[in-house]
C-alpha atoms as a PDB file:
ATOM      1  CA  MET A   1    -107.586 -24.894 -37.049  1.00  0.00           C
ATOM      2  CA  ILE A   2    -104.769 -25.035 -35.395  1.00  0.00           C
ATOM      3  CA  THR A   3    -103.532 -28.543 -33.154  1.00  0.00           C
ATOM      4  CA  SER A   4    -101.369 -29.772 -30.853  1.00  0.00           C
ATOM      5  CA  ALA A   5     -99.072 -31.257 -33.219  1.00  0.00           C
ATOM      6  CA  LEU A   6     -98.916 -28.095 -35.512  1.00  0.00           C
ATOM      7  CA  ILE A   7     -97.948 -26.006 -32.630  1.00  0.00           C
ATOM      8  CA  ILE A   8     -95.260 -28.186 -31.638  1.00  0.00           C
ATOM      9  CA  ARG A   9     -94.360 -28.843 -35.431  1.00  0.00           C
ATOM     10  CA  GLY A  10     -93.830 -24.629 -35.582  1.00  0.00           C
ATOM     11  CA  SER A  11     -91.712 -24.926 -31.659  1.00  0.00           C
ATOM     12  CA  ILE A  12     -89.503 -27.471 -33.219  1.00  0.00           C
ATOM     13  CA  VAL A  13     -88.969 -24.910 -36.116  1.00  0.00           C
ATOM     14  CA  VAL A  14     -88.858 -21.857 -34.299  1.00  0.00           C
ATOM     15  CA  LEU A  15     -86.284 -24.021 -32.085  1.00  0.00           C
ATOM     16  CA  SER A  16     -83.816 -25.449 -34.736  1.00  0.00           C
ATOM     17  CA  LEU A  17     -83.420 -21.975 -36.017  1.00  0.00           C
ATOM     18  CA  ALA A  18     -82.487 -20.502 -33.276  1.00  0.00           C
ATOM     19  CA  GLY A  19     -80.469 -23.225 -32.802  1.00  0.00           C
ATOM     20  CA  LEU A  20     -79.131 -23.345 -36.209  1.00  0.00           C
ATOM     21  CA  VAL A  21     -77.659 -19.314 -35.580  1.00  0.00           C
ATOM     22  CA  ASN A  22     -76.246 -19.941 -32.157  1.00  0.00           C
ATOM     23  CA  ALA A  23     -74.057 -23.220 -34.144  1.00  0.00           C
ATOM     24  CA  CYS A  24     -73.237 -20.194 -36.989  1.00  0.00           C
ATOM     25  CA  TYR A  25     -71.779 -18.059 -34.260  1.00  0.00           C
ATOM     26  CA  PHE A  26     -69.898 -20.994 -32.530  1.00  0.00           C
ATOM     27  CA  THR A  27     -68.931 -22.439 -36.155  1.00  0.00           C
ATOM     28  CA  PHE A  28     -67.783 -18.419 -36.790  1.00  0.00           C
ATOM     29  CA  ALA A  29     -66.338 -18.527 -33.934  1.00  0.00           C
ATOM     30  CA  TYR A  30     -64.089 -21.622 -34.180  1.00  0.00           C
ATOM     31  CA  TYR A  31     -63.120 -20.598 -37.511  1.00  0.00           C
ATOM     32  CA  GLY A  32     -61.508 -17.153 -36.228  1.00  0.00           C
ATOM     33  CA  ARG A  33     -64.029 -15.156 -37.541  1.00  0.00           C
ATOM     34  CA  ILE A  34     -65.514 -13.741 -34.525  1.00  0.00           C
ATOM     35  CA  LYS A  35     -63.183 -10.719 -33.329  1.00  0.00           C
ATOM     36  CA  LYS A  36     -65.637  -7.892 -32.085  1.00  0.00           C
ATOM     37  CA  ALA A  37     -69.064  -8.708 -33.174  1.00  0.00           C
ATOM     38  CA  ARG A  38     -71.114  -5.552 -32.304  1.00  0.00           C
ATOM     39  CA  TRP A  39     -74.361  -7.474 -33.207  1.00  0.00           C
ATOM     40  CA  VAL A  40     -74.333  -9.859 -30.342  1.00  0.00           C
ATOM     41  CA  PRO A  41     -74.239  -8.123 -26.442  1.00  0.00           C
ATOM     42  CA  GLU A  42     -71.138  -8.534 -24.838  1.00  0.00           C
ATOM     43  CA  ILE A  43     -72.843  -9.970 -21.881  1.00  0.00           C
ATOM     44  CA  LEU A  44     -73.383 -13.282 -24.394  1.00  0.00           C
ATOM     45  CA  CYS A  45     -69.765 -13.439 -24.963  1.00  0.00           C
ATOM     46  CA  ALA A  46     -69.476 -11.434 -28.501  1.00  0.00           C
ATOM     47  CA  ARG A  47     -65.529 -10.687 -28.003  1.00  0.00           C
ATOM     48  CA  GLU A  48     -62.588 -11.903 -29.202  1.00  0.00           C
ATOM     49  CA  GLY A  49     -61.327 -13.525 -25.776  1.00  0.00           C
ATOM     50  CA  SER A  50     -64.232 -14.100 -24.032  1.00  0.00           C
ATOM     51  CA  SER A  51     -64.831 -17.349 -22.639  1.00  0.00           C
ATOM     52  CA  CYS A  52     -67.581 -18.639 -25.657  1.00  0.00           C
ATOM     53  CA  VAL A  53     -65.020 -17.703 -28.127  1.00  0.00           C
ATOM     54  CA  THR A  54     -61.671 -19.799 -26.519  1.00  0.00           C
ATOM     55  CA  VAL A  55     -64.302 -22.592 -25.623  1.00  0.00           C
ATOM     56  CA  VAL A  56     -64.302 -23.236 -29.201  1.00  0.00           C
ATOM     57  CA  GLN A  57     -60.538 -24.235 -29.632  1.00  0.00           C
ATOM     58  CA  THR A  58     -60.326 -26.664 -26.938  1.00  0.00           C
ATOM     59  CA  PRO A  59     -60.270 -29.943 -27.536  1.00  0.00           C
ATOM     60  CA  TYR A  60     -64.229 -30.107 -26.558  1.00  0.00           C
ATOM     61  CA  ALA A  61     -65.325 -28.185 -29.546  1.00  0.00           C
ATOM     62  CA  ARG A  62     -64.661 -31.242 -31.581  1.00  0.00           C
ATOM     63  CA  VAL A  63     -66.054 -34.621 -32.362  1.00  0.00           C
ATOM     64  CA  PHE A  64     -63.673 -36.898 -34.416  1.00  0.00           C
ATOM     65  CA  GLY A  65     -61.799 -33.686 -35.595  1.00  0.00           C
ATOM     66  CA  VAL A  66     -65.417 -31.980 -36.588  1.00  0.00           C
ATOM     67  CA  PRO A  67     -66.572 -29.220 -34.991  1.00  0.00           C
ATOM     68  CA  ASN A  68     -69.337 -29.598 -32.664  1.00  0.00           C
ATOM     69  CA  SER A  69     -70.929 -26.357 -34.273  1.00  0.00           C
ATOM     70  CA  LEU A  70     -71.149 -27.670 -37.673  1.00  0.00           C
ATOM     71  CA  LEU A  71     -72.613 -31.543 -36.240  1.00  0.00           C
ATOM     72  CA  GLY A  72     -75.517 -28.645 -34.821  1.00  0.00           C
ATOM     73  CA  ILE A  73     -75.830 -26.977 -38.016  1.00  0.00           C
ATOM     74  CA  LEU A  74     -76.494 -30.353 -39.886  1.00  0.00           C
ATOM     75  CA  TYR A  75     -78.484 -31.494 -37.397  1.00  0.00           C
ATOM     76  CA  TYR A  76     -80.874 -28.246 -37.194  1.00  0.00           C
ATOM     77  CA  ILE A  77     -81.434 -27.945 -40.992  1.00  0.00           C
ATOM     78  CA  ILE A  78     -82.281 -31.183 -41.730  1.00  0.00           C
ATOM     79  CA  LEU A  79     -84.719 -31.643 -38.331  1.00  0.00           C
ATOM     80  CA  MET A  80     -86.389 -28.515 -40.162  1.00  0.00           C
ATOM     81  CA  ALA A  81     -86.509 -30.631 -43.197  1.00  0.00           C
ATOM     82  CA  TRP A  82     -88.152 -33.393 -41.911  1.00  0.00           C
ATOM     83  CA  ILE A  83     -90.623 -31.067 -40.131  1.00  0.00           C
ATOM     84  CA  PHE A  84     -90.866 -29.217 -43.524  1.00  0.00           C
ATOM     85  CA  THR A  85     -92.001 -32.627 -45.111  1.00  0.00           C
ATOM     86  CA  GLY A  86     -93.930 -34.185 -43.326  1.00  0.00           C
ATOM     87  CA  PHE A  87     -92.155 -36.452 -40.479  1.00  0.00           C
ATOM     88  CA  SER A  88     -93.949 -39.273 -41.603  1.00  0.00           C
ATOM     89  CA  VAL A  89     -92.337 -41.130 -44.059  1.00  0.00           C
ATOM     90  CA  GLY A  90     -89.995 -44.141 -44.716  1.00  0.00           C
ATOM     91  CA  PRO A  91     -90.890 -47.064 -42.982  1.00  0.00           C
ATOM     92  CA  SER A  92     -92.763 -47.033 -39.348  1.00  0.00           C
ATOM     93  CA  ALA A  93     -92.880 -49.457 -36.294  1.00  0.00           C
ATOM     94  CA  THR A  94     -95.046 -50.019 -33.493  1.00  0.00           C
ATOM     95  CA  ILE A  95     -94.889 -48.752 -30.294  1.00  0.00           C
ATOM     96  CA  GLY A  96     -97.062 -49.221 -27.735  1.00  0.00           C
ATOM     97  CA  GLY A  97     -99.706 -50.049 -30.388  1.00  0.00           C
ATOM     98  CA  LYS A  98     -99.345 -46.712 -31.728  1.00  0.00           C
ATOM     99  CA  ILE A  99     -97.310 -46.546 -35.512  1.00  0.00           C
ATOM    100  CA  VAL A 100     -94.454 -44.324 -35.324  1.00  0.00           C
ATOM    101  CA  ALA A 101     -91.902 -43.499 -38.313  1.00  0.00           C
ATOM    102  CA  VAL A 102     -88.960 -44.601 -38.002  1.00  0.00           C
ATOM    103  CA  SER A 103     -87.386 -41.727 -39.157  1.00  0.00           C
ATOM    104  CA  ALA A 104     -88.663 -39.923 -35.762  1.00  0.00           C
ATOM    105  CA  LEU A 105     -87.533 -42.446 -33.981  1.00  0.00           C
ATOM    106  CA  ALA A 106     -84.255 -41.636 -35.508  1.00  0.00           C
ATOM    107  CA  PHE A 107     -84.617 -38.243 -34.698  1.00  0.00           C
ATOM    108  CA  VAL A 108     -85.542 -38.611 -30.847  1.00  0.00           C
ATOM    109  CA  ALA A 109     -82.551 -40.856 -30.735  1.00  0.00           C
ATOM    110  CA  ALA A 110     -80.220 -38.133 -31.808  1.00  0.00           C
ATOM    111  CA  SER A 111     -81.643 -35.633 -30.072  1.00  0.00           C
ATOM    112  CA  LEU A 112     -81.020 -37.749 -26.876  1.00  0.00           C
ATOM    113  CA  GLY A 113     -77.569 -38.456 -28.033  1.00  0.00           C
ATOM    114  CA  THR A 114     -76.813 -34.303 -28.450  1.00  0.00           C
ATOM    115  CA  VAL A 115     -78.803 -34.266 -24.551  1.00  0.00           C
ATOM    116  CA  LEU A 116     -76.443 -36.784 -23.039  1.00  0.00           C
ATOM    117  CA  PHE A 117     -73.660 -35.245 -24.723  1.00  0.00           C
ATOM    118  CA  GLY A 118     -74.098 -31.574 -23.516  1.00  0.00           C
ATOM    119  CA  PHE A 119     -74.451 -32.716 -20.209  1.00  0.00           C
ATOM    120  CA  TYR A 120     -70.380 -34.094 -20.808  1.00  0.00           C
ATOM    121  CA  LEU A 121     -69.979 -30.830 -22.521  1.00  0.00           C
ATOM    122  CA  ILE A 122     -71.186 -28.656 -18.929  1.00  0.00           C
ATOM    123  CA  TYR A 123     -69.347 -30.223 -16.758  1.00  0.00           C
ATOM    124  CA  ALA A 124     -66.523 -30.531 -19.241  1.00  0.00           C
ATOM    125  CA  LEU A 125     -67.163 -26.217 -19.224  1.00  0.00           C
ATOM    126  CA  ILE A 126     -67.441 -25.976 -15.339  1.00  0.00           C
ATOM    127  CA  GLU A 127     -65.437 -28.564 -14.258  1.00  0.00           C
ATOM    128  CA  LYS A 128     -62.616 -28.998 -16.943  1.00  0.00           C
ATOM    129  CA  LEU A 129     -62.935 -25.844 -18.269  1.00  0.00           C
ATOM    130  CA  HIS A 130     -63.512 -23.519 -15.483  1.00  0.00           C
ATOM    131  CA  THR A 131     -65.655 -21.176 -17.206  1.00  0.00           C
ATOM    132  CA  HIS A 132     -69.151 -20.492 -18.096  1.00  0.00           C
ATOM    133  CA  CYS A 133     -70.579 -19.913 -21.819  1.00  0.00           C
ATOM    134  CA  PRO A 134     -74.365 -18.709 -22.014  1.00  0.00           C
ATOM    135  CA  LEU A 135     -74.159 -19.599 -25.470  1.00  0.00           C
ATOM    136  CA  CYS A 136     -73.387 -23.057 -25.475  1.00  0.00           C
ATOM    137  CA  TYR A 137     -76.300 -23.346 -22.054  1.00  0.00           C
ATOM    138  CA  LEU A 138     -78.135 -21.796 -24.885  1.00  0.00           C
ATOM    139  CA  GLY A 139     -77.621 -24.283 -26.751  1.00  0.00           C
ATOM    140  CA  HIS A 140     -77.798 -27.248 -24.439  1.00  0.00           C
ATOM    141  CA  ALA A 141     -81.056 -26.013 -23.440  1.00  0.00           C
ATOM    142  CA  ILE A 142     -82.187 -25.914 -26.836  1.00  0.00           C
ATOM    143  CA  ASN A 143     -81.258 -29.390 -27.231  1.00  0.00           C
ATOM    144  CA  ALA A 144     -82.828 -30.548 -24.594  1.00  0.00           C
ATOM    145  CA  ALA A 145     -86.807 -28.662 -25.687  1.00  0.00           C
ATOM    146  CA  LEU A 146     -86.728 -30.098 -28.759  1.00  0.00           C
ATOM    147  CA  LEU A 147     -85.739 -33.807 -27.498  1.00  0.00           C
ATOM    148  CA  VAL A 148     -89.015 -33.315 -25.301  1.00  0.00           C
ATOM    149  CA  LEU A 149     -90.766 -31.766 -27.976  1.00  0.00           C
ATOM    150  CA  LEU A 150     -90.194 -35.037 -30.097  1.00  0.00           C
ATOM    151  CA  ALA A 151     -90.840 -37.006 -27.967  1.00  0.00           C
ATOM    152  CA  VAL A 152     -94.759 -35.517 -27.574  1.00  0.00           C
ATOM    153  CA  LEU A 153     -95.027 -35.463 -31.010  1.00  0.00           C
ATOM    154  CA  ILE A 154     -94.644 -39.255 -32.031  1.00  0.00           C
ATOM    155  CA  TRP A 155     -95.800 -40.416 -29.055  1.00  0.00           C
END
Protein backbone atom coordinates (compact mmCIF):
# COMPACT_ATOMS: atom_id res chain seq x y z
CA MET A 1 0.00 0.00 0.00
CA ILE A 2 1.33 3.43 -0.92
CA THR A 3 1.24 5.83 2.01
CA SER A 4 1.22 9.60 1.93
CA ALA A 5 4.72 9.62 3.48
CA LEU A 6 5.97 7.49 0.59
CA ILE A 7 4.41 9.87 -1.94
CA ILE A 8 6.02 12.84 -0.21
CA ARG A 9 9.40 11.10 -0.09
CA GLY A 10 9.10 10.26 -3.79
CA SER A 11 8.17 13.84 -4.58
CA ILE A 12 11.21 15.06 -2.63
CA VAL A 13 13.46 12.77 -4.67
CA VAL A 14 11.93 13.89 -7.99
CA LEU A 15 12.25 17.57 -7.08
CA SER A 16 15.79 17.01 -5.81
CA LEU A 17 16.73 15.38 -9.12
CA ALA A 18 15.27 18.35 -11.02
CA GLY A 19 17.16 20.73 -8.73
CA LEU A 20 20.33 18.72 -9.22
CA VAL A 21 20.07 18.95 -13.02
CA ASN A 22 19.40 22.69 -12.75
CA ALA A 23 22.35 23.17 -10.38
CA CYS A 24 24.62 21.16 -12.70
CA TYR A 25 23.59 23.37 -15.62
CA PHE A 26 24.52 26.50 -13.65
CA THR A 27 27.78 24.93 -12.51
CA PHE A 28 28.72 24.24 -16.12
CA ALA A 29 27.72 27.79 -17.02
CA TYR A 30 29.77 29.16 -14.11
CA TYR A 31 32.88 27.36 -15.33
CA GLY A 32 32.28 28.44 -18.95
CA ARG A 33 31.19 25.07 -20.27
CA ILE A 34 27.83 26.27 -21.64
CA LYS A 35 28.18 27.73 -25.09
CA LYS A 36 25.35 26.72 -27.37
CA ALA A 37 23.62 23.98 -25.45
CA ARG A 38 21.17 22.68 -28.01
CA TRP A 39 19.69 20.24 -25.48
CA VAL A 40 18.09 23.10 -23.54
CA PRO A 41 15.37 25.17 -25.24
CA GLU A 42 16.56 28.70 -26.03
CA ILE A 43 13.71 30.18 -24.00
CA LEU A 44 15.37 28.66 -20.91
CA CYS A 45 18.62 30.62 -21.36
CA ALA A 46 20.72 28.02 -23.11
CA ARG A 47 22.76 30.41 -25.20
CA GLU A 48 26.02 32.16 -24.48
CA GLY A 49 25.35 35.74 -23.50
CA SER A 50 21.84 34.97 -22.17
CA SER A 51 20.74 36.28 -18.79
CA CYS A 52 21.03 32.89 -17.10
CA VAL A 53 24.55 32.31 -18.34
CA THR A 54 25.75 35.83 -17.54
CA VAL A 55 24.08 35.91 -14.12
CA VAL A 56 26.60 33.33 -12.88
CA GLN A 57 29.35 35.85 -13.57
CA THR A 58 27.98 38.31 -11.00
CA PRO A 59 28.91 38.48 -7.30
CA TYR A 60 25.43 37.14 -6.48
CA ALA A 61 26.41 33.76 -7.93
CA ARG A 62 28.77 32.96 -5.06
CA VAL A 63 28.65 32.56 -1.30
CA PHE A 64 32.04 32.90 0.40
CA GLY A 65 33.67 32.38 -3.00
CA VAL A 66 31.84 29.11 -3.68
CA PRO A 67 29.37 29.01 -6.60
CA ASN A 68 25.77 28.79 -5.38
CA SER A 69 25.19 25.97 -7.82
CA LEU A 70 27.92 23.82 -6.25
CA LEU A 71 26.26 24.27 -2.88
CA GLY A 72 22.98 23.29 -4.55
CA ILE A 73 24.51 20.11 -5.97
CA LEU A 74 25.75 19.17 -2.51
CA TYR A 75 22.37 19.98 -0.93
CA TYR A 76 20.33 17.92 -3.39
CA ILE A 77 22.66 14.91 -3.20
CA ILE A 78 22.69 14.90 0.61
CA LEU A 79 18.92 15.38 0.72
CA MET A 80 18.32 12.41 -1.58
CA ALA A 81 20.77 10.26 0.38
CA TRP A 82 18.97 11.18 3.59
CA ILE A 83 15.58 10.27 2.09
CA PHE A 84 16.92 6.93 0.82
CA THR A 85 18.46 6.03 4.19
CA GLY A 86 15.19 6.38 6.05
CA PHE A 87 15.53 9.93 7.39
CA SER A 88 14.98 8.90 10.99
CA VAL A 89 18.54 7.89 11.86
CA GLY A 90 20.43 9.65 14.60
CA PRO A 91 19.26 11.53 17.67
CA SER A 92 15.72 12.79 17.95
CA ALA A 93 13.80 15.55 19.71
CA THR A 94 10.22 15.86 20.87
CA ILE A 95 8.27 18.66 19.22
CA GLY A 96 4.62 19.12 20.09
CA GLY A 97 4.46 15.60 21.48
CA LYS A 98 5.92 14.05 18.31
CA ILE A 99 9.38 12.51 18.12
CA VAL A 100 11.31 14.03 15.22
CA ALA A 101 14.82 13.14 14.06
CA VAL A 102 17.29 15.97 14.57
CA SER A 103 18.49 15.37 11.00
CA ALA A 104 14.95 16.15 9.81
CA LEU A 105 14.98 19.42 11.71
CA ALA A 106 18.39 20.22 10.21
CA PHE A 107 17.04 19.65 6.70
CA VAL A 108 14.01 21.85 7.35
CA ALA A 109 16.35 24.56 8.65
CA ALA A 110 18.67 24.19 5.64
CA SER A 111 15.70 24.23 3.30
CA LEU A 112 14.34 27.35 4.96
CA GLY A 113 17.76 28.93 4.49
CA THR A 114 17.74 28.13 0.77
CA VAL A 115 14.30 29.68 0.39
CA LEU A 116 15.21 32.86 2.28
CA PHE A 117 18.44 33.18 0.31
CA GLY A 118 16.41 32.56 -2.85
CA PHE A 119 14.18 35.53 -2.06
CA TYR A 120 17.30 37.68 -1.80
CA LEU A 121 18.62 36.33 -5.11
CA ILE A 122 15.30 37.00 -6.85
CA TYR A 123 15.41 40.54 -5.48
CA ALA A 124 18.97 40.90 -6.79
CA LEU A 125 17.96 39.60 -10.22
CA ILE A 126 15.11 42.03 -10.59
CA GLU A 127 16.26 45.13 -8.70
CA LYS A 128 20.06 45.01 -8.94
CA LEU A 129 20.75 43.16 -12.20
CA HIS A 130 17.53 44.20 -13.99
CA THR A 131 17.17 40.83 -15.65
CA HIS A 132 15.07 37.69 -15.53
CA CYS A 133 16.32 34.14 -15.41
CA PRO A 134 13.71 31.41 -15.86
CA LEU A 135 16.05 28.65 -14.72
CA CYS A 136 16.95 30.66 -11.62
CA TYR A 137 13.27 31.04 -10.81
CA LEU A 138 12.79 27.31 -11.38
CA GLY A 139 15.54 26.51 -8.89
CA HIS A 140 13.98 28.80 -6.29
CA ALA A 141 10.54 27.26 -6.86
CA ILE A 142 11.99 23.77 -6.42
CA ASN A 143 13.59 24.84 -3.14
CA ALA A 144 10.30 26.32 -1.89
CA ALA A 145 8.42 23.15 -2.79
CA LEU A 146 11.06 21.06 -1.02
CA LEU A 147 10.64 23.17 2.12
CA VAL A 148 6.89 22.56 2.12
CA LEU A 149 7.30 18.82 1.52
CA LEU A 150 9.94 18.45 4.24
CA ALA A 151 7.77 20.33 6.72
CA VAL A 152 4.75 18.15 5.88
CA LEU A 153 6.88 15.00 6.09
CA ILE A 154 8.15 15.60 9.59
CA TRP A 155 5.05 17.21 11.07
